[in-house]
């Protein structure tokens, strides 16, 4: 087992985006976002903000860019990771990252498969916006509570190592 990286996650602010027409309209209860806020807060992250937006690639891109400008270093997009109408989260995330981290996405899907065979239908994208301390982590995740928590069960233990690598002086 690798030695855990000693990194103060309290300096990392996160933004969670519920990317769902139904959640944004209030016709579907959002169970995933509150669960993720709780998980990230319990993990010791700094401020955790959230937004619900409609399924529009342009609106999603703007929301992510605004979150990054406001200081978020971890943006979690919940929903839109399938392949149905409006499912553009992976494409938007991919357009905003400099380095994709496919191994983490593979871990998320593998972990999800222990809970449901539907995990294989998800197109998570995980990556960072830069290779230095200006970099932020962006993830597209399933919008279900279970899928979102599967994502965080894999990612949360890696956050210290990810941000340590980004912040490490060259």
Protein backbone atom coordinates (compact mmCIF):
# COMPACT_ATOMS: atom_id res chain seq x y z
CA UNK A 1 0.00 0.00 0.00
CA UNK A 2 1.49 3.38 -0.97
CA UNK A 3 2.18 5.88 1.78
CA UNK A 4 -0.60 8.50 1.92
CA UNK A 5 0.40 11.98 0.84
CA UNK A 6 0.25 14.58 3.60
CA UNK A 7 -1.71 17.39 1.97
CA UNK A 8 -4.05 19.92 3.57
CA UNK A 9 -7.29 19.47 1.63
CA UNK A 10 -8.74 22.40 3.57
CA UNK A 11 -7.07 24.69 1.04
CA UNK A 12 -9.02 23.07 -1.83
CA UNK A 13 -12.42 24.55 -2.66
CA UNK A 14 -14.86 22.41 -4.61
CA UNK A 15 -17.85 23.14 -6.79
CA UNK A 16 -20.52 20.52 -7.52
CA UNK A 17 -22.71 20.94 -10.58
CA UNK A 18 -25.99 19.04 -10.90
CA UNK A 19 -26.26 18.87 -14.71
CA UNK A 20 -29.91 17.89 -15.06
CA UNK A 21 -32.95 19.54 -16.59
CA UNK A 22 -35.23 17.83 -14.06
CA UNK A 23 -33.15 18.77 -11.02
CA UNK A 24 -32.76 22.33 -12.27
CA UNK A 25 -36.55 22.62 -12.81
CA UNK A 26 -37.27 21.06 -9.43
CA UNK A 27 -39.22 18.10 -10.84
CA UNK A 28 -36.66 15.57 -9.56
CA UNK A 29 -35.17 15.47 -6.08
CA UNK A 30 -31.40 15.90 -6.13
CA UNK A 31 -30.08 13.22 -3.79
CA UNK A 32 -26.56 13.17 -5.25
CA UNK A 33 -25.41 16.73 -4.60
CA UNK A 34 -26.14 16.79 -0.84
CA UNK A 35 -24.46 13.38 -0.46
CA UNK A 36 -21.38 14.66 -2.30
CA UNK A 37 -21.26 17.86 -0.26
CA UNK A 38 -21.30 15.72 2.88
CA UNK A 39 -18.57 13.41 1.58
CA UNK A 40 -16.27 16.25 0.50
CA UNK A 41 -16.83 18.16 3.73
CA UNK A 42 -16.07 15.00 5.74
CA UNK A 43 -12.89 14.57 3.68
CA UNK A 44 -11.75 17.98 4.88
CA UNK A 45 -12.08 20.08 1.75
CA UNK A 46 -12.49 23.83 2.15
CA UNK A 47 -15.59 25.55 0.83
CA UNK A 48 -17.96 23.32 -1.17
CA UNK A 49 -20.42 25.20 -3.39
CA UNK A 50 -23.10 23.83 -5.68
CA UNK A 51 -25.31 24.73 -8.60
CA UNK A 52 -28.06 23.06 -10.62
CA UNK A 53 -28.07 23.81 -14.34
CA UNK A 54 -29.99 22.60 -17.40
CA UNK A 55 -28.50 20.08 -19.82
CA UNK A 56 -26.77 22.50 -22.18
CA UNK A 57 -23.12 22.12 -23.16
CA UNK A 58 -22.67 25.91 -23.36
CA UNK A 59 -24.20 26.51 -19.93
CA UNK A 60 -22.08 23.71 -18.44
CA UNK A 61 -18.88 25.13 -19.92
CA UNK A 62 -19.71 28.59 -18.56
CA UNK A 63 -20.55 27.18 -15.10
CA UNK A 64 -17.25 25.27 -14.93
CA UNK A 65 -15.23 28.28 -16.12
CA UNK A 66 -16.99 30.53 -13.59
CA UNK A 67 -16.28 28.04 -10.78
CA UNK A 68 -12.60 27.90 -11.72
CA UNK A 69 -12.41 31.71 -11.85
CA UNK A 70 -14.02 31.85 -8.40
CA UNK A 71 -11.23 29.66 -7.02
CA UNK A 72 -12.58 26.11 -7.17
CA UNK A 73 -9.78 23.58 -7.69
CA UNK A 74 -12.11 20.59 -7.80
CA UNK A 75 -15.20 20.66 -10.02
CA UNK A 76 -17.51 17.66 -9.94
CA UNK A 77 -20.16 17.46 -12.66
CA UNK A 78 -23.03 15.17 -11.68
CA UNK A 79 -25.03 13.89 -14.64
CA UNK A 80 -24.74 13.96 -18.38
CA UNK A 81 -22.14 11.17 -18.43
CA UNK A 82 -24.28 8.72 -20.39
CA UNK A 83 -24.94 8.87 -24.12
CA UNK A 84 -28.52 10.08 -24.30
CA UNK A 85 -29.89 13.42 -25.43
CA UNK A 86 -28.19 16.21 -23.47
CA UNK A 87 -25.38 13.99 -22.20
CA UNK A 88 -22.44 16.23 -23.09
CA UNK A 89 -20.59 16.43 -19.79
CA UNK A 90 -17.64 14.25 -20.91
CA UNK A 91 -17.14 16.31 -24.06
CA UNK A 92 -17.28 19.61 -22.17
CA UNK A 93 -14.89 18.40 -19.46
CA UNK A 94 -12.49 17.02 -22.06
CA UNK A 95 -12.44 20.43 -23.82
CA UNK A 96 -11.40 22.18 -20.58
CA UNK A 97 -8.64 19.88 -19.34
CA UNK A 98 -4.99 19.79 -20.37
CA UNK A 99 -4.26 16.31 -19.02
CA UNK A 100 -6.75 13.47 -18.91
CA UNK A 101 -6.31 10.85 -16.16
CA UNK A 102 -8.00 7.78 -17.67
CA UNK A 103 -6.82 5.43 -14.93
CA UNK A 104 -9.04 7.14 -12.37
CA UNK A 105 -12.06 6.98 -14.70
CA UNK A 106 -11.36 3.27 -15.18
CA UNK A 107 -11.16 2.80 -11.40
CA UNK A 108 -14.49 4.59 -10.95
CA UNK A 109 -16.24 2.38 -13.50
CA UNK A 110 -14.66 -0.78 -12.05
CA UNK A 111 -15.76 0.22 -8.54
CA UNK A 112 -19.24 1.04 -9.81
CA UNK A 113 -19.52 -2.38 -11.44
CA UNK A 114 -19.32 -3.93 -7.97
CA UNK A 115 -22.64 -2.18 -7.26
CA UNK A 116 -24.48 -2.19 -10.60
CA UNK A 117 -23.90 -3.41 -14.15
CA UNK A 118 -25.15 0.00 -15.33
CA UNK A 119 -21.78 1.49 -14.37
CA UNK A 120 -20.41 0.35 -17.71
CA UNK A 121 -22.77 2.77 -19.47
CA UNK A 122 -21.14 5.81 -17.88
CA UNK A 123 -18.50 7.91 -19.63
CA UNK A 124 -16.59 9.47 -16.76
CA UNK A 125 -13.82 11.87 -17.70
CA UNK A 126 -11.19 12.86 -15.14
CA UNK A 127 -8.49 15.42 -15.77
CA UNK A 128 -6.61 18.52 -14.70
CA UNK A 129 -6.64 21.94 -16.32
CA UNK A 130 -2.87 22.51 -16.01
CA UNK A 131 0.28 20.67 -14.93
CA UNK A 132 1.15 23.08 -12.12
CA UNK A 133 -0.33 24.85 -9.10
CA UNK A 134 -2.80 26.68 -11.33
CA UNK A 135 -4.35 23.32 -12.21
CA UNK A 136 -7.79 22.20 -11.10
CA UNK A 137 -9.33 18.74 -11.13
CA UNK A 138 -12.53 18.31 -13.16
CA UNK A 139 -14.60 15.13 -13.17
CA UNK A 140 -17.76 14.15 -15.01
CA UNK A 141 -19.68 11.63 -12.92
CA UNK A 142 -23.00 9.84 -13.06
CA UNK A 143 -25.81 11.93 -11.62
CA UNK A 144 -27.32 9.21 -9.47
CA UNK A 145 -26.55 9.25 -5.76
CA UNK A 146 -24.92 5.82 -5.99
CA UNK A 147 -22.86 6.68 -9.05
CA UNK A 148 -21.71 9.97 -7.56
CA UNK A 149 -20.69 8.32 -4.29
CA UNK A 150 -18.88 5.57 -6.22
CA UNK A 151 -16.92 8.36 -7.90
CA UNK A 152 -15.98 9.99 -4.61
CA UNK A 153 -15.12 6.67 -2.94
CA UNK A 154 -12.42 6.27 -5.60
CA UNK A 155 -11.33 9.90 -5.96
CA UNK A 156 -11.33 11.17 -2.36
CA UNK A 157 -8.37 9.02 -1.22
CA UNK A 158 -6.42 10.28 -4.26
CA UNK A 159 -7.04 14.02 -3.79
CA UNK A 160 -3.97 14.61 -1.63
CA UNK A 161 -1.70 12.93 -4.19
CA UNK A 162 -3.32 14.77 -7.11
CA UNK A 163 -2.98 18.23 -5.57
CA UNK A 164 0.46 17.48 -4.15
CA UNK A 165 1.61 16.63 -7.67
CA UNK A 166 0.09 19.82 -9.09
CA UNK A 167 1.47 22.03 -6.32
CA UNK A 168 4.92 20.45 -6.13
CA UNK A 169 7.58 23.08 -6.91
CA UNK A 170 9.54 22.37 -10.07
